[in-house]
Amino acid sequence: MALELIRNPSLSERTTLGLGGTAEVELVVHETGDLDELAAFLSRGTLRPFVIGRGSNLLVRDGHLDLALIRTATPPGPTRVEREGDRFIVRCGAAQRLPGLLGWAEKAGFSGLENLTGIPGTVGGAVAMNAGSYGTSFGDVVTRVRLWSPGQGLSWVDAADCVFSYRNFACPAHPGKSLVWEVELALTETSPKEVRASMRATYEKKQATQPVTARSAGCVFKNPEGKAAGMLLDNAGMRGMRLGHMAFSDLHANFLVNLGGGTPAQALELLDMAKSAVREKYGITLETEVILL
């Protein structure tokens, strides 16, 4: 299968927040043979490459952007690789939906991912952002990552040789930007019943405190050292703050939601208002967790 090329893709249709203009092109990589074509396209250097995933952590501006969106379409479905004591090594492609992986782990009785219940996006995005929730980070269960970059091609890298930090991932062996192609995870064998109960408890907790069904991009600000961004925003009066059709959630002040018909300009103005409010009250400058394009 050849590299798939889509002209003028809509970013509002490719992001969970539902905002953004158009990119110049989207390149969909279906198999390893397509990576040579991708390298040739990127070598022209006329567009900014950006790996889009499911667009669950993005706030995109309006207008036409000089972007080459890159999306992997690796075969779905995790597979068991081998057993190591009470752990199973599980392999899945970067395009695997994170909720789908958790559903598969539940049925198989594999534990380790339950606290990530309710996080949208793909496995590749979970690696790139080191997605986390309730004390669990995706990097905690990663054993190897298969990365691709135009200069170095495709190779497996042990997790010990990567750096997983707060909402960030880096690999010294692949400096600069690289594409996550596959990942291997170490999960513990328990029972479907136990995994299901843990996932249900996590989801119910999130449902009570976060807008899990709203159009959002997740938490928009990183937690400062020793502080919770949501608490700072709440105390600064930003919970439920609305501008046009964009608002900070009534349930959680660190979730920006599109109420329907919101615009990037409204979203960006709300972010500026929130940063100013927290800076004025606490002297702390919040750093965005959501990626601004």
C-alpha atoms as a PDB file:
ATOM      1  CA  MET A   1       0.000   0.000   0.000  1.00  0.00           C
ATOM      2  CA  ALA A   2       1.369   3.407  -0.997  1.00  0.00           C
ATOM      3  CA  LEU A   3       1.634   6.404   1.290  1.00  0.00           C
ATOM      4  CA  GLU A   4      -1.825   8.004   1.407  1.00  0.00           C
ATOM      5  CA  LEU A   5      -1.960  11.750   0.766  1.00  0.00           C
ATOM      6  CA  ILE A   6      -4.960  13.906   1.736  1.00  0.00           C
ATOM      7  CA  ARG A   7      -5.034  17.548   0.624  1.00  0.00           C
ATOM      8  CA  ASN A   8      -6.316  20.374   2.864  1.00  0.00           C
ATOM      9  CA  PRO A   9      -7.383  18.210   5.819  1.00  0.00           C
ATOM     10  CA  SER A  10      -9.639  19.911   8.352  1.00  0.00           C
ATOM     11  CA  LEU A  11      -8.060  20.136  11.799  1.00  0.00           C
ATOM     12  CA  SER A  12     -11.392  20.871  13.461  1.00  0.00           C
ATOM     13  CA  GLU A  13     -12.456  17.395  12.309  1.00  0.00           C
ATOM     14  CA  ARG A  14      -9.236  15.828  13.596  1.00  0.00           C
ATOM     15  CA  THR A  15      -9.076  17.246  17.125  1.00  0.00           C
ATOM     16  CA  THR A  16     -11.143  16.373  20.189  1.00  0.00           C
ATOM     17  CA  LEU A  17     -11.603  20.084  20.924  1.00  0.00           C
ATOM     18  CA  GLY A  18     -13.127  20.541  17.467  1.00  0.00           C
ATOM     19  CA  LEU A  19     -11.145  23.671  16.615  1.00  0.00           C
ATOM     20  CA  GLY A  20      -8.719  24.715  13.912  1.00  0.00           C
ATOM     21  CA  GLY A  21      -8.346  25.553  10.263  1.00  0.00           C
ATOM     22  CA  THR A  22      -6.797  23.376   7.561  1.00  0.00           C
ATOM     23  CA  ALA A  23      -3.359  21.906   6.988  1.00  0.00           C
ATOM     24  CA  GLU A  24      -1.651  21.703   3.626  1.00  0.00           C
ATOM     25  CA  VAL A  25      -1.607  17.898   3.573  1.00  0.00           C
ATOM     26  CA  GLU A  26      -2.103  14.788   5.685  1.00  0.00           C
ATOM     27  CA  LEU A  27       0.167  11.795   5.113  1.00  0.00           C
ATOM     28  CA  VAL A  28      -1.230   8.454   6.267  1.00  0.00           C
ATOM     29  CA  VAL A  29       1.354   5.711   6.813  1.00  0.00           C
ATOM     30  CA  HIS A  30      -0.141   2.212   6.622  1.00  0.00           C
ATOM     31  CA  GLU A  31       2.932  -0.034   6.645  1.00  0.00           C
ATOM     32  CA  THR A  32       6.701   0.110   7.053  1.00  0.00           C
ATOM     33  CA  GLY A  33       7.192   0.288   3.285  1.00  0.00           C
ATOM     34  CA  ASP A  34       5.446   3.674   3.287  1.00  0.00           C
ATOM     35  CA  LEU A  35       8.134   5.186   5.518  1.00  0.00           C
ATOM     36  CA  ASP A  36      10.596   5.568   2.633  1.00  0.00           C
ATOM     37  CA  GLU A  37       7.991   7.596   0.747  1.00  0.00           C
ATOM     38  CA  LEU A  38       7.377   9.655   3.874  1.00  0.00           C
ATOM     39  CA  ALA A  39      11.107  10.383   4.193  1.00  0.00           C
ATOM     40  CA  ALA A  40      11.249  11.472   0.551  1.00  0.00           C
ATOM     41  CA  PHE A  41       8.274  13.798   1.037  1.00  0.00           C
ATOM     42  CA  LEU A  42       9.717  15.361   4.192  1.00  0.00           C
ATOM     43  CA  SER A  43      13.128  15.842   2.560  1.00  0.00           C
ATOM     44  CA  ARG A  44      11.630  18.557   0.368  1.00  0.00           C
ATOM     45  CA  GLY A  45      11.426  20.674   3.520  1.00  0.00           C
ATOM     46  CA  THR A  46       8.570  22.891   2.368  1.00  0.00           C
ATOM     47  CA  LEU A  47       6.138  22.057   5.189  1.00  0.00           C
ATOM     48  CA  ARG A  48       6.311  21.657   8.970  1.00  0.00           C
ATOM     49  CA  PRO A  49       5.765  17.992   9.882  1.00  0.00           C
ATOM     50  CA  PHE A  50       3.453  17.192  12.781  1.00  0.00           C
ATOM     51  CA  VAL A  51       2.288  13.783  14.009  1.00  0.00           C
ATOM     52  CA  ILE A  52      -1.443  14.178  14.620  1.00  0.00           C
ATOM     53  CA  GLY A  53      -2.604  10.948  16.275  1.00  0.00           C
ATOM     54  CA  ARG A  54      -6.232  11.418  17.393  1.00  0.00           C
ATOM     55  CA  GLY A  55      -5.767  15.129  18.115  1.00  0.00           C
ATOM     56  CA  SER A  56      -6.672  14.789  21.788  1.00  0.00           C
ATOM     57  CA  ASN A  57      -4.154  17.274  23.198  1.00  0.00           C
ATOM     58  CA  LEU A  58      -4.249  20.021  20.584  1.00  0.00           C
ATOM     59  CA  LEU A  59      -5.478  23.584  20.339  1.00  0.00           C
ATOM     60  CA  VAL A  60      -5.203  24.652  16.706  1.00  0.00           C
ATOM     61  CA  ARG A  61      -5.536  28.143  15.287  1.00  0.00           C
ATOM     62  CA  ASP A  62      -7.851  29.103  12.435  1.00  0.00           C
ATOM     63  CA  GLY A  63      -6.715  29.614   8.870  1.00  0.00           C
ATOM     64  CA  HIS A  64      -4.578  27.558   6.520  1.00  0.00           C
ATOM     65  CA  LEU A  65      -1.432  26.190   8.185  1.00  0.00           C
ATOM     66  CA  ASP A  66       1.786  25.147   6.448  1.00  0.00           C
ATOM     67  CA  LEU A  67       1.655  21.708   8.077  1.00  0.00           C
ATOM     68  CA  ALA A  68       2.221  18.188   6.841  1.00  0.00           C
ATOM     69  CA  LEU A  69       0.143  16.130   9.253  1.00  0.00           C
ATOM     70  CA  ILE A  70       1.471  12.606   9.748  1.00  0.00           C
ATOM     71  CA  ARG A  71      -0.846   9.853  10.890  1.00  0.00           C
ATOM     72  CA  THR A  72      -0.025   6.197  11.367  1.00  0.00           C
ATOM     73  CA  ALA A  73      -2.593   3.566  10.428  1.00  0.00           C
ATOM     74  CA  THR A  74      -0.834   0.504  11.808  1.00  0.00           C
ATOM     75  CA  PRO A  75      -2.941  -2.686  12.109  1.00  0.00           C
ATOM     76  CA  PRO A  76      -5.275  -2.617  15.121  1.00  0.00           C
ATOM     77  CA  GLY A  77      -5.241  -5.032  17.980  1.00  0.00           C
ATOM     78  CA  PRO A  78      -2.592  -5.680  20.655  1.00  0.00           C
ATOM     79  CA  THR A  79      -0.808  -9.047  20.679  1.00  0.00           C
ATOM     80  CA  ARG A  80       0.942 -10.996  23.416  1.00  0.00           C
ATOM     81  CA  VAL A  81       4.660 -11.397  22.786  1.00  0.00           C
ATOM     82  CA  GLU A  82       6.023 -13.380  25.728  1.00  0.00           C
ATOM     83  CA  ARG A  83       5.666 -14.070  29.422  1.00  0.00           C
ATOM     84  CA  GLU A  84       8.174 -12.866  32.023  1.00  0.00           C
ATOM     85  CA  GLY A  85       7.227 -14.310  35.401  1.00  0.00           C
ATOM     86  CA  ASP A  86       3.849 -12.829  36.347  1.00  0.00           C
ATOM     87  CA  ARG A  87       4.121 -10.223  33.596  1.00  0.00           C
ATOM     88  CA  PHE A  88       3.061 -10.416  29.976  1.00  0.00           C
ATOM     89  CA  ILE A  89       4.802  -8.394  27.291  1.00  0.00           C
ATOM     90  CA  VAL A  90       2.172  -6.902  24.993  1.00  0.00           C
ATOM     91  CA  ARG A  91       2.899  -5.265  21.635  1.00  0.00           C
ATOM     92  CA  CYS A  92       0.685  -2.827  19.772  1.00  0.00           C
ATOM     93  CA  GLY A  93       0.979  -0.316  16.961  1.00  0.00           C
ATOM     94  CA  ALA A  94       1.033   3.436  17.520  1.00  0.00           C
ATOM     95  CA  ALA A  95      -2.382   3.851  15.866  1.00  0.00           C
ATOM     96  CA  GLN A  96      -4.046   1.616  18.456  1.00  0.00           C
ATOM     97  CA  ARG A  97      -6.720   3.601  20.309  1.00  0.00           C
ATOM     98  CA  LEU A  98      -5.886   3.829  24.006  1.00  0.00           C
ATOM     99  CA  PRO A  99      -9.485   3.019  25.095  1.00  0.00           C
ATOM    100  CA  GLY A 100      -9.342  -0.042  22.827  1.00  0.00           C
ATOM    101  CA  LEU A 101      -6.104  -1.191  24.451  1.00  0.00           C
ATOM    102  CA  LEU A 102      -7.656  -0.868  27.896  1.00  0.00           C
ATOM    103  CA  GLY A 103     -10.720  -2.799  26.761  1.00  0.00           C
ATOM    104  CA  TRP A 104      -8.486  -5.576  25.427  1.00  0.00           C
ATOM    105  CA  ALA A 105      -6.484  -5.648  28.674  1.00  0.00           C
ATOM    106  CA  GLU A 106      -9.712  -5.910  30.666  1.00  0.00           C
ATOM    107  CA  LYS A 107     -10.903  -8.951  28.720  1.00  0.00           C
ATOM    108  CA  ALA A 108      -7.466 -10.576  28.958  1.00  0.00           C
ATOM    109  CA  GLY A 109      -7.169  -9.855  32.695  1.00  0.00           C
ATOM    110  CA  PHE A 110      -4.022  -7.739  32.338  1.00  0.00           C
ATOM    111  CA  SER A 111      -3.445  -5.021  34.938  1.00  0.00           C
ATOM    112  CA  GLY A 112      -1.332  -1.875  34.863  1.00  0.00           C
ATOM    113  CA  LEU A 113      -3.341   0.555  32.762  1.00  0.00           C
ATOM    114  CA  GLU A 114      -6.548   0.975  34.769  1.00  0.00           C
ATOM    115  CA  ASN A 115      -5.786   4.503  36.010  1.00  0.00           C
ATOM    116  CA  LEU A 116      -5.614   5.643  32.370  1.00  0.00           C
ATOM    117  CA  THR A 117      -9.303   4.834  31.866  1.00  0.00           C
ATOM    118  CA  GLY A 118     -11.110   7.722  30.210  1.00  0.00           C
ATOM    119  CA  ILE A 119      -8.076   9.106  28.356  1.00  0.00           C
ATOM    120  CA  PRO A 120      -8.734   9.322  24.596  1.00  0.00           C
ATOM    121  CA  GLY A 121      -6.089   9.279  21.899  1.00  0.00           C
ATOM    122  CA  THR A 122      -3.713   6.645  20.596  1.00  0.00           C
ATOM    123  CA  VAL A 123      -0.896   4.557  22.006  1.00  0.00           C
ATOM    124  CA  GLY A 124       1.594   6.629  19.989  1.00  0.00           C
ATOM    125  CA  GLY A 125       0.254   9.805  21.550  1.00  0.00           C
ATOM    126  CA  ALA A 126       0.341   8.204  25.007  1.00  0.00           C
ATOM    127  CA  VAL A 127       4.062   7.558  24.508  1.00  0.00           C
ATOM    128  CA  ALA A 128       4.822  10.987  23.047  1.00  0.00           C
ATOM    129  CA  MET A 129       3.015  12.834  25.863  1.00  0.00           C
ATOM    130  CA  ASN A 130       3.690  10.216  28.557  1.00  0.00           C
ATOM    131  CA  ALA A 131      -0.037  10.294  29.253  1.00  0.00           C
ATOM    132  CA  GLY A 132      -0.912   9.963  32.905  1.00  0.00           C
ATOM    133  CA  SER A 133      -3.706   9.908  35.439  1.00  0.00           C
ATOM    134  CA  TYR A 134      -4.075   9.246  39.179  1.00  0.00           C
ATOM    135  CA  GLY A 135      -0.404   8.498  39.727  1.00  0.00           C
ATOM    136  CA  THR A 136       0.068   6.252  36.686  1.00  0.00           C
ATOM    137  CA  SER A 137       2.045   7.331  33.628  1.00  0.00           C
ATOM    138  CA  PHE A 138       2.126   5.403  30.372  1.00  0.00           C
ATOM    139  CA  GLY A 139       5.905   5.226  30.562  1.00  0.00           C
ATOM    140  CA  ASP A 140       5.578   3.165  33.753  1.00  0.00           C
ATOM    141  CA  VAL A 141       4.607   0.077  31.741  1.00  0.00           C
ATOM    142  CA  VAL A 142       6.642   0.638  28.548  1.00  0.00           C
ATOM    143  CA  THR A 143       9.522  -1.788  27.971  1.00  0.00           C
ATOM    144  CA  ARG A 144      10.480  -0.904  24.396  1.00  0.00           C
ATOM    145  CA  VAL A 145       9.498   1.659  21.767  1.00  0.00           C
ATOM    146  CA  ARG A 146       9.964   1.284  18.015  1.00  0.00           C
ATOM    147  CA  LEU A 147      10.822   4.699  16.624  1.00  0.00           C
ATOM    148  CA  TRP A 148      11.323   6.065  13.131  1.00  0.00           C
ATOM    149  CA  SER A 149      13.087   9.182  11.932  1.00  0.00           C
ATOM    150  CA  PRO A 150      14.145  10.050   8.363  1.00  0.00           C
ATOM    151  CA  GLY A 151      17.844  10.011   9.210  1.00  0.00           C
ATOM    152  CA  GLN A 152      17.930   6.845  11.303  1.00  0.00           C
ATOM    153  CA  GLY A 153      15.126   4.723   9.961  1.00  0.00           C
ATOM    154  CA  LEU A 154      13.163   2.295  12.120  1.00  0.00           C
ATOM    155  CA  SER A 155      14.591   0.757  15.303  1.00  0.00           C
ATOM    156  CA  TRP A 156      13.602  -0.612  18.697  1.00  0.00           C
ATOM    157  CA  VAL A 157      14.826   1.298  21.748  1.00  0.00           C
ATOM    158  CA  ASP A 158      14.653   0.017  25.328  1.00  0.00           C
ATOM    159  CA  ALA A 159      12.633   2.129  27.723  1.00  0.00           C
ATOM    160  CA  ALA A 160      15.739   2.395  29.923  1.00  0.00           C
ATOM    161  CA  ASP A 161      17.390   4.346  27.097  1.00  0.00           C
ATOM    162  CA  CYS A 162      14.452   6.766  26.820  1.00  0.00           C
ATOM    163  CA  VAL A 163      13.417   9.613  29.083  1.00  0.00           C
ATOM    164  CA  PHE A 164       9.819   9.609  30.280  1.00  0.00           C
ATOM    165  CA  SER A 165       9.047  12.752  32.256  1.00  0.00           C
ATOM    166  CA  TYR A 166       5.946  14.742  33.124  1.00  0.00           C
ATOM    167  CA  ARG A 167       3.895  14.828  29.900  1.00  0.00           C
ATOM    168  CA  ASN A 168       7.033  14.423  27.854  1.00  0.00           C
ATOM    169  CA  PHE A 169       9.061  11.741  26.089  1.00  0.00           C
ATOM    170  CA  ALA A 170      12.547  11.903  24.613  1.00  0.00           C
ATOM    171  CA  CYS A 171      14.987   9.399  23.171  1.00  0.00           C
ATOM    172  CA  PRO A 172      18.678  10.376  22.950  1.00  0.00           C
ATOM    173  CA  ALA A 173      19.211   7.643  20.337  1.00  0.00           C
ATOM    174  CA  HIS A 174      16.672   9.448  18.104  1.00  0.00           C
ATOM    175  CA  PRO A 175      17.413  13.130  18.746  1.00  0.00           C
ATOM    176  CA  GLY A 176      14.922  15.625  17.440  1.00  0.00           C
ATOM    177  CA  LYS A 177      11.496  14.609  16.264  1.00  0.00           C
ATOM    178  CA  SER A 178      10.704  10.960  15.681  1.00  0.00           C
ATOM    179  CA  LEU A 179       7.612   8.904  14.922  1.00  0.00           C
ATOM    180  CA  VAL A 180       6.382   6.247  17.340  1.00  0.00           C
ATOM    181  CA  TRP A 181       5.629   3.128  15.295  1.00  0.00           C
ATOM    182  CA  GLU A 182       5.137   0.374  17.865  1.00  0.00           C
ATOM    183  CA  VAL A 183       5.413  -0.105  21.602  1.00  0.00           C
ATOM    184  CA  GLU A 184       5.824  -3.018  23.984  1.00  0.00           C
ATOM    185  CA  LEU A 185       4.274  -2.941  27.457  1.00  0.00           C
ATOM    186  CA  ALA A 186       4.715  -5.089  30.555  1.00  0.00           C
ATOM    187  CA  LEU A 187       1.340  -5.875  32.142  1.00  0.00           C
ATOM    188  CA  THR A 188       0.546  -8.026  35.164  1.00  0.00           C
ATOM    189  CA  GLU A 189      -1.807 -10.981  34.867  1.00  0.00           C
ATOM    190  CA  THR A 190      -4.760 -10.801  37.280  1.00  0.00           C
ATOM    191  CA  SER A 191      -8.374 -11.480  36.280  1.00  0.00           C
ATOM    192  CA  PRO A 192     -10.871  -9.728  34.001  1.00  0.00           C
ATOM    193  CA  LYS A 193     -13.140  -9.168  37.011  1.00  0.00           C
ATOM    194  CA  GLU A 194     -10.439  -7.334  38.997  1.00  0.00           C
ATOM    195  CA  VAL A 195      -9.361  -5.209  36.032  1.00  0.00           C
ATOM    196  CA  ARG A 196     -12.974  -4.369  35.201  1.00  0.00           C
ATOM    197  CA  ALA A 197     -13.711  -3.280  38.778  1.00  0.00           C
ATOM    198  CA  SER A 198     -10.619  -1.062  38.866  1.00  0.00           C
ATOM    199  CA  MET A 199     -11.446   0.525  35.512  1.00  0.00           C
ATOM    200  CA  ARG A 200     -15.039   1.139  36.566  1.00  0.00           C
ATOM    201  CA  ALA A 201     -13.924   2.813  39.809  1.00  0.00           C
ATOM    202  CA  THR A 202     -11.512   5.050  37.892  1.00  0.00           C
ATOM    203  CA  TYR A 203     -14.129   6.042  35.320  1.00  0.00           C
ATOM    204  CA  GLU A 204     -16.758   6.794  37.961  1.00  0.00           C
ATOM    205  CA  LYS A 205     -14.279   8.995  39.815  1.00  0.00           C
ATOM    206  CA  LYS A 206     -13.425  10.866  36.617  1.00  0.00           C
ATOM    207  CA  GLN A 207     -17.049  11.155  35.590  1.00  0.00           C
ATOM    208  CA  ALA A 208     -17.799  12.902  38.893  1.00  0.00           C
ATOM    209  CA  THR A 209     -14.911  15.351  38.650  1.00  0.00           C
ATOM    210  CA  GLN A 210     -14.059  15.802  34.951  1.00  0.00           C
ATOM    211  CA  PRO A 211     -16.051  16.572  31.762  1.00  0.00           C
ATOM    212  CA  VAL A 212     -15.294  13.164  30.237  1.00  0.00           C
ATOM    213  CA  THR A 213     -18.009  13.391  27.566  1.00  0.00           C
ATOM    214  CA  ALA A 214     -17.454  17.039  26.570  1.00  0.00           C
ATOM    215  CA  ARG A 215     -15.438  18.298  23.603  1.00  0.00           C
ATOM    216  CA  SER A 216     -12.168  19.069  25.349  1.00  0.00           C
ATOM    217  CA  ALA A 217      -8.437  18.582  24.987  1.00  0.00           C
ATOM    218  CA  GLY A 218      -7.952  17.269  28.507  1.00  0.00           C
ATOM    219  CA  CYS A 219      -6.026  19.341  31.024  1.00  0.00           C
ATOM    220  CA  VAL A 220      -4.780  22.514  29.362  1.00  0.00           C
ATOM    221  CA  PHE A 221      -2.142  23.528  31.928  1.00  0.00           C
ATOM    222  CA  LYS A 222       0.633  21.490  33.514  1.00  0.00           C
ATOM    223  CA  ASN A 223       0.726  21.148  37.274  1.00  0.00           C
ATOM    224  CA  PRO A 224       3.420  23.410  38.734  1.00  0.00           C
ATOM    225  CA  GLU A 225       5.840  21.744  41.163  1.00  0.00           C
ATOM    226  CA  GLY A 226       3.898  20.730  44.256  1.00  0.00           C
ATOM    227  CA  LYS A 227       0.667  22.359  43.048  1.00  0.00           C
ATOM    228  CA  ALA A 228      -2.453  21.298  41.159  1.00  0.00           C
ATOM    229  CA  ALA A 229      -3.229  23.584  38.220  1.00  0.00           C
ATOM    230  CA  GLY A 230      -6.942  22.854  38.600  1.00  0.00           C
ATOM    231  CA  MET A 231      -6.923  24.057  42.203  1.00  0.00           C
ATOM    232  CA  LEU A 232      -5.029  27.231  41.294  1.00  0.00           C
ATOM    233  CA  LEU A 233      -7.462  27.982  38.474  1.00  0.00           C
ATOM    234  CA  ASP A 234     -10.459  27.217  40.665  1.00  0.00           C
ATOM    235  CA  ASN A 235      -9.286  29.544  43.439  1.00  0.00           C
ATOM    236  CA  ALA A 236      -8.517  32.216  40.844  1.00  0.00           C
ATOM    237  CA  GLY A 237     -12.155  32.168  39.740  1.00  0.00           C
ATOM    238  CA  MET A 238     -11.767  30.363  36.412  1.00  0.00           C
ATOM    239  CA  ARG A 239     -14.086  27.395  37.016  1.00  0.00           C
ATOM    240  CA  GLY A 240     -17.065  27.809  34.674  1.00  0.00           C
ATOM    241  CA  MET A 241     -15.598  30.987  33.139  1.00  0.00           C
ATOM    242  CA  ARG A 242     -17.068  31.373  29.660  1.00  0.00           C
ATOM    243  CA  LEU A 243     -16.156  33.397  26.612  1.00  0.00           C
ATOM    244  CA  GLY A 244     -18.478  32.968  23.644  1.00  0.00           C
ATOM    245  CA  HIS A 245     -18.869  29.230  23.154  1.00  0.00           C
ATOM    246  CA  MET A 246     -15.660  28.241  24.952  1.00  0.00           C
ATOM    247  CA  ALA A 247     -15.486  27.732  28.710  1.00  0.00           C
ATOM    248  CA  PHE A 248     -13.524  26.256  31.576  1.00  0.00           C
ATOM    249  CA  SER A 249     -15.534  23.304  32.827  1.00  0.00           C
ATOM    250  CA  ASP A 250     -17.879  23.583  35.793  1.00  0.00           C
ATOM    251  CA  LEU A 251     -16.558  20.207  36.957  1.00  0.00           C
ATOM    252  CA  HIS A 252     -12.814  20.845  36.661  1.00  0.00           C
ATOM    253  CA  ALA A 253     -11.228  24.250  36.152  1.00  0.00           C
ATOM    254  CA  ASN A 254      -8.285  22.866  34.154  1.00  0.00           C
ATOM    255  CA  PHE A 255     -10.498  21.508  31.361  1.00  0.00           C
ATOM    256  CA  LEU A 256     -11.271  23.855  28.485  1.00  0.00           C
ATOM    257  CA  VAL A 257     -14.438  22.770  26.675  1.00  0.00           C
ATOM    258  CA  ASN A 258     -16.040  23.658  23.365  1.00  0.00           C
ATOM    259  CA  LEU A 259     -19.729  24.198  24.045  1.00  0.00           C
ATOM    260  CA  GLY A 260     -20.520  24.135  20.333  1.00  0.00           C
ATOM    261  CA  GLY A 261     -19.419  26.771  17.857  1.00  0.00           C
ATOM    262  CA  GLY A 262     -16.401  27.854  19.887  1.00  0.00           C
ATOM    263  CA  THR A 263     -13.435  29.471  18.137  1.00  0.00           C
ATOM    264  CA  PRO A 264      -9.655  29.246  18.601  1.00  0.00           C
ATOM    265  CA  ALA A 265      -9.582  32.995  19.323  1.00  0.00           C
ATOM    266  CA  GLN A 266     -12.012  32.530  22.221  1.00  0.00           C
ATOM    267  CA  ALA A 267     -10.001  29.566  23.507  1.00  0.00           C
ATOM    268  CA  LEU A 268      -6.690  31.435  23.382  1.00  0.00           C
ATOM    269  CA  GLU A 269      -8.170  34.478  25.105  1.00  0.00           C
ATOM    270  CA  LEU A 270      -9.492  32.265  27.894  1.00  0.00           C
ATOM    271  CA  LEU A 271      -6.040  30.734  28.338  1.00  0.00           C
ATOM    272  CA  ASP A 272      -4.522  34.205  28.626  1.00  0.00           C
ATOM    273  CA  MET A 273      -7.194  35.222  31.142  1.00  0.00           C
ATOM    274  CA  ALA A 274      -6.484  32.101  33.212  1.00  0.00           C
ATOM    275  CA  LYS A 275      -2.723  32.629  33.223  1.00  0.00           C
ATOM    276  CA  SER A 276      -3.160  36.264  34.259  1.00  0.00           C
ATOM    277  CA  ALA A 277      -5.609  35.348  37.041  1.00  0.00           C
ATOM    278  CA  VAL A 278      -3.298  32.704  38.531  1.00  0.00           C
ATOM    279  CA  ARG A 279      -0.226  34.921  38.176  1.00  0.00           C
ATOM    280  CA  GLU A 280      -1.997  37.779  39.936  1.00  0.00           C
ATOM    281  CA  LYS A 281      -3.256  35.611  42.810  1.00  0.00           C
ATOM    282  CA  TYR A 282      -0.282  33.270  43.320  1.00  0.00           C
ATOM    283  CA  GLY A 283       2.664  34.726  41.422  1.00  0.00           C
ATOM    284  CA  ILE A 284       2.810  31.486  39.400  1.00  0.00           C
ATOM    285  CA  THR A 285       3.011  31.410  35.612  1.00  0.00           C
ATOM    286  CA  LEU A 286       1.182  28.366  34.325  1.00  0.00           C
ATOM    287  CA  GLU A 287       2.666  26.412  31.430  1.00  0.00           C
ATOM    288  CA  THR A 288       0.344  24.940  28.820  1.00  0.00           C
ATOM    289  CA  GLU A 289       0.104  21.175  28.610  1.00  0.00           C
ATOM    290  CA  VAL A 290      -2.037  21.273  25.496  1.00  0.00           C
ATOM    291  CA  ILE A 291      -0.011  21.735  22.299  1.00  0.00           C
ATOM    292  CA  LEU A 292      -0.692  25.003  20.484  1.00  0.00           C
ATOM    293  CA  LEU A 293      -0.515  24.892  16.702  1.00  0.00           C
END
